[in-house]
Amino acid sequence: MDTATLRALSTGHAKNTLSGVLDVVTKESLSAIIISVVSALSIFFVAQIWSHALPFATATALAILFNSIIAGCMGSLGPLLFKRLGIDPALMAGPFETALQDLIGTTVYLSLATLFLPNI
């Protein structure tokens, strides 16, 4: 997602106004939601067939859903934030977003696993 935002910044399609930021974030968030739902449904069916355990499939699918949505939002907001702070978004967005998404993603998945799989 951050590639599209970086491109919008470099071509001038992402303005430094509230409406410009909201346009970019809205478009990126909608595509992230669509990708998230498709990914979550796919992994749900794979996990259910593989494990024959509904709680495991549910926890895994919800983790993918939440992580993909969070990644999509961060992918659109990260470059905009770095540009606003005067930092080159192309240099910072990738490493920063990857580290933060890994941290959030692992936390979400382990939290959902604890919630759905308390006996393991």
Protein backbone atom coordinates (compact mmCIF):
# COMPACT_ATOMS: atom_id res chain seq x y z
CA MET A 1 0.00 0.00 0.00
CA ASP A 2 2.78 2.40 0.74
CA THR A 3 4.00 2.19 -2.86
CA ALA A 4 0.75 3.72 -4.11
CA THR A 5 0.96 6.45 -1.48
CA LEU A 6 4.60 7.17 -2.32
CA ARG A 7 3.66 7.40 -6.00
CA ALA A 8 0.79 9.76 -5.16
CA LEU A 9 3.16 11.94 -3.15
CA SER A 10 5.80 12.04 -5.87
CA THR A 11 3.32 12.85 -8.66
CA GLY A 12 1.48 15.46 -6.61
CA HIS A 13 -1.78 13.51 -6.38
CA ALA A 14 -1.55 13.45 -2.57
CA LYS A 15 -1.86 17.00 -1.35
CA ASN A 16 -0.74 18.20 2.07
CA THR A 17 -4.29 19.18 2.92
CA LEU A 18 -6.77 17.32 5.07
CA SER A 19 -8.95 16.48 2.08
CA GLY A 20 -5.91 15.26 0.12
CA VAL A 21 -4.82 13.03 2.97
CA LEU A 22 -8.35 11.70 3.45
CA ASP A 23 -8.63 10.89 -0.26
CA VAL A 24 -5.45 8.81 -0.18
CA VAL A 25 -6.31 7.10 3.11
CA THR A 26 -9.86 6.32 1.99
CA LYS A 27 -8.76 4.73 -1.29
CA GLU A 28 -6.01 2.71 0.33
CA SER A 29 -8.22 1.63 3.23
CA LEU A 30 -10.97 0.39 0.92
CA SER A 31 -8.55 -1.71 -1.07
CA ALA A 32 -7.01 -3.01 2.18
CA ILE A 33 -10.44 -4.05 3.45
CA ILE A 34 -11.23 -5.95 0.25
CA ILE A 35 -7.85 -7.71 0.29
CA SER A 36 -8.26 -8.44 4.01
CA VAL A 37 -11.66 -10.05 3.66
CA VAL A 38 -10.58 -12.23 0.74
CA SER A 39 -7.40 -13.27 2.57
CA ALA A 40 -9.22 -13.99 5.83
CA LEU A 41 -11.86 -16.13 4.13
CA SER A 42 -9.21 -18.03 2.20
CA ILE A 43 -7.08 -18.73 5.26
CA PHE A 44 -10.16 -19.66 7.27
CA PHE A 45 -11.07 -22.44 4.84
CA VAL A 46 -7.47 -23.65 4.54
CA ALA A 47 -6.99 -23.66 8.32
CA GLN A 48 -10.31 -25.43 8.88
CA ILE A 49 -9.52 -28.15 6.34
CA TRP A 50 -5.96 -28.54 7.63
CA SER A 51 -6.68 -28.54 11.37
CA HIS A 52 -10.35 -29.55 11.66
CA ALA A 53 -10.51 -27.05 14.52
CA LEU A 54 -12.94 -24.16 14.23
CA PRO A 55 -11.30 -22.05 16.99
CA PHE A 56 -7.89 -22.29 15.28
CA ALA A 57 -9.36 -21.37 11.88
CA THR A 58 -11.28 -18.47 13.40
CA ALA A 59 -8.30 -17.06 15.31
CA THR A 60 -6.08 -17.33 12.24
CA ALA A 61 -8.64 -15.74 9.91
CA LEU A 62 -9.34 -12.85 12.30
CA ALA A 63 -5.62 -12.26 12.74
CA ILE A 64 -5.15 -12.04 8.97
CA LEU A 65 -8.17 -9.75 8.69
CA PHE A 66 -7.00 -7.33 11.39
CA ASN A 67 -3.35 -7.41 10.34
CA SER A 68 -4.14 -6.73 6.69
CA ILE A 69 -6.41 -3.81 7.53
CA ILE A 70 -3.83 -2.35 9.92
CA ALA A 71 -1.08 -2.80 7.32
CA GLY A 72 -3.20 -1.06 4.68
CA CYS A 73 -3.89 1.90 6.93
CA MET A 74 -0.25 2.15 7.98
CA GLY A 75 0.82 1.86 4.35
CA SER A 76 -1.17 4.93 3.46
CA LEU A 77 -0.57 6.96 6.60
CA GLY A 78 3.15 6.18 7.08
CA PRO A 79 4.50 7.96 3.99
CA LEU A 80 2.16 10.91 4.55
CA LEU A 81 3.34 11.23 8.14
CA PHE A 82 7.02 11.04 7.19
CA LYS A 83 6.58 13.65 4.48
CA ARG A 84 4.83 15.92 6.98
CA LEU A 85 7.74 15.47 9.40
CA GLY A 86 10.23 16.38 6.68
CA ILE A 87 11.69 12.87 6.45
CA ASP A 88 12.08 11.16 3.08
CA PRO A 89 9.07 8.80 2.96
CA ALA A 90 10.74 6.46 0.47
CA LEU A 91 13.59 5.76 2.88
CA MET A 92 11.63 5.47 6.12
CA ALA A 93 8.27 3.98 5.18
CA GLY A 94 9.48 0.47 4.36
CA PRO A 95 11.65 -0.35 7.40
CA PHE A 96 9.49 1.49 9.92
CA GLU A 97 6.20 0.05 8.68
CA THR A 98 7.60 -3.47 8.43
CA ALA A 99 8.87 -3.43 12.00
CA LEU A 100 5.67 -1.91 13.38
CA GLN A 101 3.43 -4.27 11.38
CA ASP A 102 5.41 -7.28 12.60
CA LEU A 103 5.05 -6.11 16.19
CA ILE A 104 1.32 -5.40 15.88
CA GLY A 105 0.65 -8.52 13.80
CA THR A 106 2.35 -10.87 16.23
CA THR A 107 0.59 -9.26 19.18
CA VAL A 108 -2.82 -9.50 17.51
CA TYR A 109 -2.32 -13.13 16.46
CA LEU A 110 -1.08 -14.27 19.86
CA SER A 111 -3.88 -12.37 21.60
CA LEU A 112 -6.51 -13.98 19.40
CA ALA A 113 -4.93 -17.41 19.85
CA THR A 114 -5.05 -16.93 23.63
CA LEU A 115 -8.69 -15.87 23.40
CA PHE A 116 -9.84 -18.65 21.08
CA LEU A 117 -7.50 -21.45 22.20
CA PRO A 118 -7.30 -21.15 25.99
CA ASN A 119 -6.56 -24.86 26.60
CA ILE A 120 -3.42 -25.01 24.50
